[in-house]
C-alpha cells in the first residue's frame, strides 16, 4: 500500500502524519510535494492578516479540484495540455431570477 508521510514543524513541535494513498497513485513524491505546497500556500494567505476559516479553505480546495478535473478532461479531448489561469475572481450578490 502506498503511504504519504508528512513532517510538519510548528513552534518546535513536530507532527508526523502517515496517510494511506489511493492504490492508483503513480508517484508518492509528487503527492507529498503537492500537499506540502498547498499547506504552505494556505499559511502564506494568513501571513500579515487573519487566517482563512476552515470552510473557506475547504471550498477553495473543492473548487481547485473541480477545475483541475475539468481541465484534465478538456486537455484529453483536445489531445494536448491546456493551461488555466484565474485572471479575476469576483464575488457578487446572488440574483433572483424571475420567470
C-alpha atoms as a PDB file:
ATOM      1  CA  UNK A   1       0.000   0.000   0.000  1.00  0.00           C
ATOM      2  CA  UNK A   2       1.234   3.469  -0.818  1.00  0.00           C
ATOM      3  CA  UNK A   3       1.560   5.851   2.102  1.00  0.00           C
ATOM      4  CA  UNK A   4       2.153   9.565   2.391  1.00  0.00           C
ATOM      5  CA  UNK A   5       4.204  10.707   5.317  1.00  0.00           C
ATOM      6  CA  UNK A   6       4.214  14.391   6.160  1.00  0.00           C
ATOM      7  CA  UNK A   7       6.519  16.041   8.630  1.00  0.00           C
ATOM      8  CA  UNK A   8       5.301  19.413   9.829  1.00  0.00           C
ATOM      9  CA  UNK A   9       7.154  21.513  12.366  1.00  0.00           C
ATOM     10  CA  UNK A  10       5.339  24.298  14.155  1.00  0.00           C
ATOM     11  CA  UNK A  11       6.724  26.102  17.179  1.00  0.00           C
ATOM     12  CA  UNK A  12       9.415  23.430  17.635  1.00  0.00           C
ATOM     13  CA  UNK A  13       6.791  20.679  17.784  1.00  0.00           C
ATOM     14  CA  UNK A  14       6.910  18.011  15.095  1.00  0.00           C
ATOM     15  CA  UNK A  15       3.799  16.297  13.804  1.00  0.00           C
ATOM     16  CA  UNK A  16       4.300  13.077  11.873  1.00  0.00           C
ATOM     17  CA  UNK A  17       1.305  12.006   9.805  1.00  0.00           C
ATOM     18  CA  UNK A  18       1.125   8.708   7.930  1.00  0.00           C
ATOM     19  CA  UNK A  19      -1.722   8.644   5.413  1.00  0.00           C
ATOM     20  CA  UNK A  20      -2.721   5.788   3.107  1.00  0.00           C
ATOM     21  CA  UNK A  21      -2.756   6.742  -0.571  1.00  0.00           C
ATOM     22  CA  UNK A  22      -5.075   5.553  -3.294  1.00  0.00           C
ATOM     23  CA  UNK A  23      -3.830   2.287  -4.875  1.00  0.00           C
ATOM     24  CA  UNK A  24      -3.614   4.017  -8.283  1.00  0.00           C
ATOM     25  CA  UNK A  25      -1.123   6.599  -7.012  1.00  0.00           C
ATOM     26  CA  UNK A  26       1.719   6.801  -9.507  1.00  0.00           C
ATOM     27  CA  UNK A  27       4.226   8.942  -7.629  1.00  0.00           C
ATOM     28  CA  UNK A  28       4.173   9.341  -3.847  1.00  0.00           C
ATOM     29  CA  UNK A  29       6.784  12.120  -4.001  1.00  0.00           C
ATOM     30  CA  UNK A  30       4.563  14.205  -6.296  1.00  0.00           C
ATOM     31  CA  UNK A  31       1.673  13.779  -3.873  1.00  0.00           C
ATOM     32  CA  UNK A  32       3.835  14.787  -0.906  1.00  0.00           C
ATOM     33  CA  UNK A  33       5.219  17.822  -2.754  1.00  0.00           C
ATOM     34  CA  UNK A  34       1.750  18.995  -3.786  1.00  0.00           C
ATOM     35  CA  UNK A  35       0.360  18.594  -0.263  1.00  0.00           C
ATOM     36  CA  UNK A  36       3.295  20.492   1.231  1.00  0.00           C
ATOM     37  CA  UNK A  37       2.918  23.312  -1.316  1.00  0.00           C
ATOM     38  CA  UNK A  38      -0.833  23.537  -0.737  1.00  0.00           C
ATOM     39  CA  UNK A  39      -0.359  23.744   3.042  1.00  0.00           C
ATOM     40  CA  UNK A  40       2.386  26.344   2.575  1.00  0.00           C
ATOM     41  CA  UNK A  41       0.133  28.416   0.283  1.00  0.00           C
ATOM     42  CA  UNK A  42      -2.628  28.352   2.908  1.00  0.00           C
ATOM     43  CA  UNK A  43      -0.133  29.519   5.543  1.00  0.00           C
ATOM     44  CA  UNK A  44       1.030  32.348   3.248  1.00  0.00           C
ATOM     45  CA  UNK A  45      -2.520  33.656   2.908  1.00  0.00           C
ATOM     46  CA  UNK A  46      -2.612  34.088   6.676  1.00  0.00           C
ATOM     47  CA  UNK A  47       0.711  35.968   6.807  1.00  0.00           C
ATOM     48  CA  UNK A  48       0.053  39.589   7.642  1.00  0.00           C
ATOM     49  CA  UNK A  49      -3.642  39.089   8.255  1.00  0.00           C
ATOM     50  CA  UNK A  50      -6.268  36.825   9.692  1.00  0.00           C
ATOM     51  CA  UNK A  51      -6.078  33.165   8.750  1.00  0.00           C
ATOM     52  CA  UNK A  52      -8.764  31.915   6.386  1.00  0.00           C
ATOM     53  CA  UNK A  53     -11.506  29.948   8.101  1.00  0.00           C
ATOM     54  CA  UNK A  54     -11.616  26.201   7.513  1.00  0.00           C
ATOM     55  CA  UNK A  55     -14.780  26.400   5.412  1.00  0.00           C
ATOM     56  CA  UNK A  56     -13.081  28.870   3.048  1.00  0.00           C
ATOM     57  CA  UNK A  57     -10.046  26.584   2.773  1.00  0.00           C
ATOM     58  CA  UNK A  58     -12.235  23.556   2.058  1.00  0.00           C
ATOM     59  CA  UNK A  59     -14.272  25.478  -0.510  1.00  0.00           C
ATOM     60  CA  UNK A  60     -11.116  26.659  -2.286  1.00  0.00           C
ATOM     61  CA  UNK A  61      -9.737  23.109  -2.361  1.00  0.00           C
ATOM     62  CA  UNK A  62     -13.048  21.787  -3.719  1.00  0.00           C
ATOM     63  CA  UNK A  63     -13.129  24.412  -6.461  1.00  0.00           C
ATOM     64  CA  UNK A  64      -9.482  23.782  -7.357  1.00  0.00           C
ATOM     65  CA  UNK A  65     -10.127  20.028  -7.513  1.00  0.00           C
ATOM     66  CA  UNK A  66     -13.157  20.503  -9.764  1.00  0.00           C
ATOM     67  CA  UNK A  67     -11.276  22.919 -12.033  1.00  0.00           C
ATOM     68  CA  UNK A  68      -8.279  20.605 -12.261  1.00  0.00           C
ATOM     69  CA  UNK A  69     -10.522  17.677 -13.174  1.00  0.00           C
ATOM     70  CA  UNK A  70     -12.326  19.705 -15.832  1.00  0.00           C
ATOM     71  CA  UNK A  71      -9.021  20.961 -17.255  1.00  0.00           C
ATOM     72  CA  UNK A  72      -7.661  17.405 -17.464  1.00  0.00           C
ATOM     73  CA  UNK A  73     -10.802  16.276 -19.286  1.00  0.00           C
ATOM     74  CA  UNK A  74     -10.669  19.169 -21.761  1.00  0.00           C
ATOM     75  CA  UNK A  75      -6.933  18.616 -22.323  1.00  0.00           C
ATOM     76  CA  UNK A  76      -7.571  14.937 -23.063  1.00  0.00           C
ATOM     77  CA  UNK A  77     -10.288  15.822 -25.577  1.00  0.00           C
ATOM     78  CA  UNK A  78      -8.026  18.410 -27.238  1.00  0.00           C
ATOM     79  CA  UNK A  79      -5.120  15.934 -27.386  1.00  0.00           C
ATOM     80  CA  UNK A  80      -2.848  18.450 -25.715  1.00  0.00           C
ATOM     81  CA  UNK A  81      -2.055  20.135 -22.444  1.00  0.00           C
ATOM     82  CA  UNK A  82      -4.079  23.270 -21.785  1.00  0.00           C
ATOM     83  CA  UNK A  83      -3.248  25.859 -19.144  1.00  0.00           C
ATOM     84  CA  UNK A  84      -5.668  27.645 -16.884  1.00  0.00           C
ATOM     85  CA  UNK A  85      -5.203  30.998 -15.178  1.00  0.00           C
ATOM     86  CA  UNK A  86      -7.642  32.799 -12.943  1.00  0.00           C
ATOM     87  CA  UNK A  87      -7.446  36.403 -14.054  1.00  0.00           C
ATOM     88  CA  UNK A  88     -10.093  37.858 -11.802  1.00  0.00           C
ATOM     89  CA  UNK A  89     -12.389  36.493  -9.166  1.00  0.00           C
ATOM     90  CA  UNK A  90     -15.482  38.474  -8.304  1.00  0.00           C
ATOM     91  CA  UNK A  91     -17.924  37.729  -5.553  1.00  0.00           C
ATOM     92  CA  UNK A  92     -21.362  39.075  -6.269  1.00  0.00           C
ATOM     93  CA  UNK A  93     -24.691  39.006  -4.513  1.00  0.00           C
ATOM     94  CA  UNK A  94     -26.907  36.188  -5.776  1.00  0.00           C
ATOM     95  CA  UNK A  95     -29.535  37.334  -8.221  1.00  0.00           C
ATOM     96  CA  UNK A  96     -33.093  36.155  -8.046  1.00  0.00           C
ATOM     97  CA  UNK A  97     -34.324  35.181 -11.470  1.00  0.00           C
ATOM     98  CA  UNK A  98     -37.917  35.869 -12.240  1.00  0.00           C
ATOM     99  CA  UNK A  99     -39.909  33.946 -14.792  1.00  0.00           C
END
